Protein backbone atom coordinates (compact mmCIF):
# COMPACT_ATOMS: atom_id res chain seq x y z
CA MET A 1 -0.99 5.18 -8.71
CA LYS A 2 0.60 6.10 -5.74
CA CYS A 3 1.90 4.12 -2.85
CA VAL A 4 3.60 5.22 0.66
CA VAL A 5 5.37 1.66 1.82
CA GLN A 6 6.29 1.40 5.59
CA ARG A 7 8.08 -1.12 6.94
CA VAL A 8 6.14 -2.57 9.98
CA ALA A 9 6.74 -5.36 13.07
CA GLU A 10 2.75 -5.27 12.61
CA ALA A 11 -0.22 -3.40 11.68
CA HIS A 12 -3.95 -3.34 11.12
CA VAL A 13 -6.64 -1.30 10.33
CA SER A 14 -10.05 -1.25 11.77
CA VAL A 15 -13.63 -0.19 10.65
CA ALA A 16 -16.56 1.14 13.05
CA GLY A 17 -14.15 -0.50 15.85
CA ASN A 18 -13.97 -3.80 14.44
CA VAL A 19 -10.54 -4.85 12.73
CA VAL A 20 -10.58 -6.01 9.80
CA GLY A 21 -6.91 -6.67 8.29
CA GLU A 22 -4.32 -7.16 10.07
CA ILE A 23 -0.65 -8.02 9.97
CA GLY A 24 2.23 -9.11 11.51
CA PRO A 25 6.50 -8.21 9.84
CA GLY A 26 6.21 -7.06 6.34
CA LEU A 27 4.29 -3.78 4.38
CA LEU A 28 1.53 -1.64 5.04
CA VAL A 29 1.23 -0.09 1.93
CA LEU A 30 -1.18 2.61 1.50
CA VAL A 31 -2.56 2.71 -2.42
CA GLY A 32 -3.59 5.56 -4.59
CA ILE A 33 -5.36 4.94 -7.86
CA ALA A 34 -4.80 7.98 -10.29
CA GLU A 35 -6.85 8.67 -13.15
CA GLY A 36 -5.55 6.47 -16.05
CA ASP A 37 -4.06 3.96 -14.08
CA GLY A 38 -4.36 0.71 -15.89
CA GLU A 39 -2.89 -2.91 -15.83
CA GLU A 40 0.97 -1.57 -16.46
CA GLN A 41 0.45 0.33 -13.87
CA LEU A 42 -1.38 -2.03 -11.34
CA ARG A 43 1.82 -4.86 -12.37
CA TRP A 44 4.67 -2.53 -12.25
CA MET A 45 3.69 -1.40 -8.85
CA ALA A 46 2.40 -4.96 -7.34
CA ASP A 47 6.47 -5.84 -8.64
CA LYS A 48 7.93 -3.16 -7.57
CA VAL A 49 6.41 -3.83 -3.37
CA VAL A 50 7.60 -6.56 -3.23
CA LYS A 51 10.47 -7.23 -4.40
CA LEU A 52 11.68 -3.76 -3.28
CA ARG A 53 15.13 -4.36 -0.79
CA ILE A 54 13.91 -2.52 1.96
CA PHE A 55 14.49 -5.49 4.98
CA ASP A 56 17.75 -6.19 6.73
CA ASP A 57 19.82 -8.95 5.72
CA ASP A 58 22.29 -10.76 8.19
CA ALA A 59 24.94 -7.29 8.05
CA GLY A 60 22.42 -5.01 8.80
CA ARG A 61 21.99 -3.67 5.16
CA PHE A 62 18.76 -3.41 3.27
CA ASP A 63 19.21 -6.31 0.74
CA ARG A 64 16.50 -8.70 1.81
CA SER A 65 12.45 -8.22 -0.08
CA LEU A 66 8.94 -8.77 0.83
CA LEU A 67 9.76 -12.11 -1.02
CA ASP A 68 12.56 -12.89 0.97
CA THR A 69 11.19 -12.71 4.12
CA GLY A 70 8.03 -14.45 4.24
CA GLY A 71 6.53 -11.22 5.28
CA ALA A 72 2.59 -10.08 4.53
CA LEU A 73 1.23 -6.88 2.95
CA LEU A 74 -1.69 -4.93 4.20
CA SER A 75 -3.62 -2.73 1.69
CA VAL A 76 -5.24 0.46 1.98
CA SER A 77 -6.79 2.07 -0.40
CA GLN A 78 -6.12 5.97 0.13
CA PHE A 79 -7.49 8.48 -2.36
CA THR A 80 -6.14 11.43 -0.37
CA LEU A 81 -2.45 10.62 -1.85
CA LEU A 82 -3.46 12.05 -5.08
CA ALA A 83 -3.94 15.11 -2.96
CA ASN A 84 -3.05 18.69 -5.25
CA VAL A 85 -2.50 21.38 -3.04
CA GLU A 86 -1.03 23.91 -5.40
CA LYS A 87 -3.82 26.25 -4.89
CA GLY A 88 -5.14 27.17 -1.73
CA ALA A 89 -5.13 25.36 1.40
CA ARG A 90 -8.22 23.05 0.17
CA PRO A 91 -6.92 20.08 -0.98
CA SER A 92 -8.04 19.08 -4.91
CA PHE A 93 -8.72 14.96 -6.14
CA THR A 94 -9.66 15.34 -9.44
CA ARG A 95 -5.99 12.92 -10.20
CA ALA A 96 -7.56 10.66 -8.05
CA ALA A 97 -9.50 7.55 -10.14
CA PRO A 98 -13.28 7.49 -9.43
CA PRO A 99 -14.44 5.31 -7.46
CA GLU A 100 -16.07 2.76 -9.81
CA TRP A 101 -12.55 2.40 -11.60
CA ALA A 102 -10.44 2.95 -8.51
CA GLN A 103 -12.00 -0.13 -6.85
CA PRO A 104 -11.49 -2.91 -9.15
CA ALA A 105 -8.10 -1.41 -9.58
CA TRP A 106 -7.12 -1.95 -6.17
CA GLU A 107 -8.55 -5.16 -5.95
CA ARG A 108 -6.22 -6.24 -8.33
CA PHE A 109 -3.28 -4.62 -7.29
CA ASN A 110 -3.60 -6.76 -4.03
CA GLU A 111 -4.40 -9.70 -6.10
CA LEU A 112 -1.44 -9.60 -8.72
CA VAL A 113 0.83 -9.21 -5.23
CA ARG A 114 -0.91 -12.57 -4.32
CA ASP A 115 -0.38 -13.56 -6.85
CA LEU A 116 3.48 -13.36 -6.88
CA GLY A 117 3.32 -14.98 -3.27
CA VAL A 118 2.37 -12.74 -1.19
CA ASP A 119 -0.04 -13.28 1.65
CA VAL A 120 -2.41 -9.90 1.68
CA ALA A 121 -4.40 -8.56 4.40
CA ALA A 122 -6.71 -5.84 3.21
CA GLY A 123 -8.85 -2.96 4.22
CA VAL A 124 -12.56 -1.93 2.93
CA PHE A 125 -12.43 0.66 -0.07
CA GLY A 126 -14.28 3.66 0.89
CA ALA A 127 -14.71 3.12 4.52
CA SER A 128 -13.35 5.77 7.08
CA MET A 129 -11.02 3.54 8.56
CA GLN A 130 -8.01 3.90 11.23
CA VAL A 131 -4.58 2.79 10.88
CA GLY A 132 -2.56 1.12 13.47
CA LEU A 133 1.19 0.29 13.09
CA VAL A 134 4.40 -0.50 14.39
CA ASN A 135 7.07 0.82 12.18
CA ASP A 136 10.27 -0.96 12.19
CA GLY A 137 13.12 1.25 11.44
CA PRO A 138 11.45 3.50 10.75
CA VAL A 139 11.34 2.73 6.95
CA THR A 140 8.67 5.02 4.40
CA ILE A 141 9.22 4.62 0.41
CA VAL A 142 6.73 6.72 -1.79
CA LEU A 143 6.70 4.73 -5.02
CA GLU A 144 5.02 6.34 -8.40
CA ARG A 145 4.48 4.99 -11.87
């Protein structure tokens, strides 16, 4: 499982010109589900993302989490995070979980984040999406489990 976590002032995701998910301050998380990912990886990632201390405290240091700030999370499923480009110029996606596993796993990740007390907005699994964001900082962290 791989996630790209971006601290944002705001973010939205659209499908066919229609906004399907949007948040104010919080985190935009691009979520890649790998072949073999299960409940352990999903729980670890949800907990790590929600508790990641990448928001400024009063002294301007990274010392606050999404839980501390009351921010929201915008979750976007993105199998391309699992791309392998070691050979040739065309990415291979054989590490990515098949859609019939990846979709419920991504939905479970979103549910686990909600269970931790965070409001979650989401894209549409498998859709061609346009993501807009104002990266705050900029702060971008890559997590892998």
